[in-house]
């Protein structure tokens, strides 16, 4: 139990340093939780760029609220996740009125004009279901790489390490999968 209390005290001190404007402490917080926050953001927003923007907003919020952190109420990781989730929900509410292209739409080669057509929630769900059906029809490695890269937010290097597969093979599988998805999507578009 002493180790947990020691960690809580170190976390409390780090957050107090951040509240006091210590850039080194903020860097430590980012190094510790940056990838977790990015994965959460990447799952919540449709593109890598927006995920990066969301991460920046989240860390600004963590910085601004650092003085309120209380290890007696929650572990630091829990607090970071809660702040991140709140920030992402706020971001999604702000952008709910306009539908944004998903990373998979971009990868599948849908044109800007195709993606800018306003659609209702039901149509968006249908589009996602159709895309998932196309993904499910891919060969196993291609399907796994697409799901982990675009839906799981993993890097190709991470995927290769987890699958014990060379990075070049992972890149090739992704390239072939995207090509197949583009072909299948273009076959369905009206001419």
Protein backbone atom coordinates (compact mmCIF):
# COMPACT_ATOMS: atom_id res chain seq x y z
CA UNK A 1 0.00 0.00 0.00
CA UNK A 2 2.96 2.31 0.66
CA UNK A 3 3.99 2.24 -3.02
CA UNK A 4 0.52 3.44 -4.09
CA UNK A 5 0.60 6.23 -1.50
CA UNK A 6 4.10 7.24 -2.62
CA UNK A 7 2.94 7.35 -6.26
CA UNK A 8 -0.13 9.39 -5.32
CA UNK A 9 2.08 11.87 -3.48
CA UNK A 10 4.48 12.14 -6.45
CA UNK A 11 1.48 12.67 -8.76
CA UNK A 12 0.05 15.35 -6.45
CA UNK A 13 3.41 17.15 -6.36
CA UNK A 14 3.76 16.95 -10.15
CA UNK A 15 0.28 18.41 -10.64
CA UNK A 16 1.06 21.20 -8.17
CA UNK A 17 4.24 21.98 -10.12
CA UNK A 18 2.19 22.10 -13.34
CA UNK A 19 -0.32 24.45 -11.67
CA UNK A 20 2.63 26.65 -10.69
CA UNK A 21 3.78 26.83 -14.33
CA UNK A 22 6.59 24.24 -14.31
CA UNK A 23 7.08 23.27 -17.97
CA UNK A 24 9.25 20.28 -17.06
CA UNK A 25 6.40 18.81 -14.99
CA UNK A 26 3.96 19.35 -17.86
CA UNK A 27 6.39 17.55 -20.16
CA UNK A 28 6.47 14.63 -17.71
CA UNK A 29 2.67 14.49 -17.70
CA UNK A 30 2.64 14.45 -21.52
CA UNK A 31 5.31 11.74 -21.70
CA UNK A 32 3.35 9.64 -19.27
CA UNK A 33 -0.14 10.05 -20.74
CA UNK A 34 0.27 11.48 -24.25
CA UNK A 35 -0.18 8.18 -26.10
CA UNK A 36 -3.22 7.21 -24.00
CA UNK A 37 -4.89 10.56 -24.65
CA UNK A 38 -4.05 10.37 -28.36
CA UNK A 39 -5.61 6.89 -28.66
CA UNK A 40 -8.77 8.16 -26.98
CA UNK A 41 -8.89 11.19 -29.26
CA UNK A 42 -8.20 9.19 -32.41
CA UNK A 43 -11.14 6.92 -31.62
CA UNK A 44 -13.44 9.90 -31.07
CA UNK A 45 -12.60 12.13 -34.03
CA UNK A 46 -12.43 11.33 -37.74
CA UNK A 47 -8.87 12.26 -38.65
CA UNK A 48 -5.30 12.26 -37.37
CA UNK A 49 -5.10 16.04 -37.55
CA UNK A 50 -8.23 16.50 -35.47
CA UNK A 51 -6.97 13.93 -32.97
CA UNK A 52 -3.74 15.90 -32.59
CA UNK A 53 -5.75 19.12 -32.10
CA UNK A 54 -7.91 17.37 -29.50
CA UNK A 55 -4.82 16.16 -27.62
CA UNK A 56 -3.49 19.71 -27.50
CA UNK A 57 -6.83 20.98 -26.15
CA UNK A 58 -6.90 18.20 -23.55
CA UNK A 59 -3.41 18.98 -22.27
CA UNK A 60 -4.25 22.69 -22.09
CA UNK A 61 -7.27 21.73 -19.99
CA UNK A 62 -5.12 19.44 -17.80
CA UNK A 63 -2.66 22.29 -17.33
CA UNK A 64 -5.42 24.77 -16.41
CA UNK A 65 -7.06 22.39 -13.93
CA UNK A 66 -3.87 20.87 -12.48
CA UNK A 67 -4.33 22.65 -9.15
CA UNK A 68 -7.64 20.85 -8.63
CA UNK A 69 -6.18 17.35 -8.81
CA UNK A 70 -6.74 15.40 -5.59
CA UNK A 71 -5.17 11.92 -5.32
CA UNK A 72 -7.60 11.07 -2.51
CA UNK A 73 -10.48 11.23 -5.02
CA UNK A 74 -8.89 9.45 -7.99
CA UNK A 75 -5.63 8.10 -9.33
CA UNK A 76 -3.93 10.43 -11.79
CA UNK A 77 -4.59 8.13 -14.75
CA UNK A 78 -8.31 8.11 -13.89
CA UNK A 79 -8.35 11.88 -13.61
CA UNK A 80 -6.56 12.27 -16.97
CA UNK A 81 -9.06 9.90 -18.61
CA UNK A 82 -12.04 11.76 -17.14
CA UNK A 83 -10.74 15.16 -18.24
CA UNK A 84 -9.94 13.74 -21.69
CA UNK A 85 -13.38 12.20 -22.04
CA UNK A 86 -15.11 15.44 -21.01
CA UNK A 87 -13.03 17.45 -23.45
CA UNK A 88 -13.74 15.02 -26.29
CA UNK A 89 -17.47 15.02 -25.55
CA UNK A 90 -17.45 18.83 -25.56
CA UNK A 91 -15.58 18.81 -28.86
CA UNK A 92 -18.03 16.36 -30.43
CA UNK A 93 -21.00 18.45 -29.25
CA UNK A 94 -19.49 21.55 -30.84
CA UNK A 95 -19.00 19.78 -34.16
CA UNK A 96 -22.14 17.60 -34.16
CA UNK A 97 -23.96 19.94 -36.55
CA UNK A 98 -21.58 19.16 -39.38
CA UNK A 99 -20.51 15.72 -40.47
CA UNK A 100 -16.79 15.34 -41.02
CA UNK A 101 -15.08 12.85 -43.30
CA UNK A 102 -13.85 9.77 -41.55
CA UNK A 103 -10.32 8.54 -41.97
CA UNK A 104 -11.73 5.43 -43.61
CA UNK A 105 -13.73 7.48 -46.14
CA UNK A 106 -10.53 9.33 -47.01
CA UNK A 107 -8.55 6.12 -47.25
CA UNK A 108 -11.23 4.47 -49.37
CA UNK A 109 -10.95 7.30 -51.87
CA UNK A 110 -14.29 9.05 -51.49
CA UNK A 111 -14.06 12.44 -53.11
CA UNK A 112 -14.54 15.64 -51.17
CA UNK A 113 -17.86 16.17 -52.95
CA UNK A 114 -19.06 12.70 -51.91
CA UNK A 115 -18.18 13.37 -48.28
CA UNK A 116 -19.67 16.87 -48.10
CA UNK A 117 -23.19 15.72 -48.86
CA UNK A 118 -25.10 16.25 -45.60
CA UNK A 119 -26.34 12.98 -44.20
CA UNK A 120 -28.52 12.05 -41.28
CA UNK A 121 -27.44 9.83 -38.42
CA UNK A 122 -29.08 6.78 -40.02
CA UNK A 123 -27.25 7.33 -43.29
CA UNK A 124 -23.96 7.73 -41.44
CA UNK A 125 -24.55 4.44 -39.63
CA UNK A 126 -25.40 2.78 -42.95
CA UNK A 127 -22.22 4.16 -44.52
CA UNK A 128 -20.14 2.88 -41.59
CA UNK A 129 -21.87 -0.52 -41.72
CA UNK A 130 -21.18 -0.75 -45.46
CA UNK A 131 -17.51 0.18 -44.87
CA UNK A 132 -17.20 -2.43 -42.11
CA UNK A 133 -18.72 -5.05 -44.43
CA UNK A 134 -16.07 -4.21 -47.04
CA UNK A 135 -13.34 -4.43 -44.40
CA UNK A 136 -14.63 -7.81 -43.19
CA UNK A 137 -14.32 -9.16 -46.75
CA UNK A 138 -10.57 -8.39 -46.87
CA UNK A 139 -7.96 -11.11 -46.29
CA UNK A 140 -7.14 -11.61 -42.59
CA UNK A 141 -3.88 -9.63 -42.43
CA UNK A 142 -5.28 -6.71 -44.42
CA UNK A 143 -8.44 -6.67 -42.29
CA UNK A 144 -6.40 -6.74 -39.07
CA UNK A 145 -4.08 -3.94 -40.20
CA UNK A 146 -6.98 -1.69 -41.31
CA UNK A 147 -8.89 -2.22 -38.07
CA UNK A 148 -5.88 -1.64 -35.84
CA UNK A 149 -4.57 1.35 -37.79
CA UNK A 150 -7.81 3.21 -38.52
CA UNK A 151 -10.14 2.04 -35.78
CA UNK A 152 -7.63 1.27 -33.03
CA UNK A 153 -5.29 4.21 -33.62
CA UNK A 154 -2.16 2.08 -33.64
CA UNK A 155 0.94 2.88 -35.65
CA UNK A 156 2.11 0.44 -38.30
CA UNK A 157 5.20 -0.25 -36.20
CA UNK A 158 3.03 -1.16 -33.19
CA UNK A 159 0.91 -3.46 -35.34
CA UNK A 160 4.01 -5.17 -36.73
CA UNK A 161 5.44 -5.69 -33.27
CA UNK A 162 2.19 -7.10 -31.86
CA UNK A 163 1.71 -9.42 -34.84
CA UNK A 164 5.42 -10.31 -34.95
CA UNK A 165 5.39 -9.32 -38.63
CA UNK A 166 7.96 -7.20 -40.50
CA UNK A 167 7.03 -3.54 -40.92
CA UNK A 168 7.32 -3.82 -44.71
CA UNK A 169 4.73 -6.61 -44.73
CA UNK A 170 2.39 -4.49 -42.60
CA UNK A 171 2.81 -1.51 -44.95
CA UNK A 172 2.13 -3.69 -47.98
CA UNK A 173 -0.97 -5.18 -46.36
CA UNK A 174 -2.28 -1.70 -45.59
CA UNK A 175 -1.58 -0.48 -49.11
CA UNK A 176 -3.32 -3.50 -50.68
CA UNK A 177 -6.27 -3.17 -48.31
CA UNK A 178 -6.75 0.52 -49.11
CA UNK A 179 -6.52 -0.21 -52.82
CA UNK A 180 -9.22 -2.89 -52.52
CA UNK A 181 -11.44 -0.58 -50.47
CA UNK A 182 -11.03 2.20 -53.07
CA UNK A 183 -11.88 -0.20 -55.88
CA UNK A 184 -14.98 -1.48 -54.10
CA UNK A 185 -16.11 2.01 -53.17
CA UNK A 186 -15.65 3.38 -56.71
CA UNK A 187 -17.66 0.44 -58.10
CA UNK A 188 -20.61 1.50 -55.92
CA UNK A 189 -20.53 5.22 -56.71
CA UNK A 190 -22.99 6.40 -59.40
CA UNK A 191 -21.33 7.40 -62.66
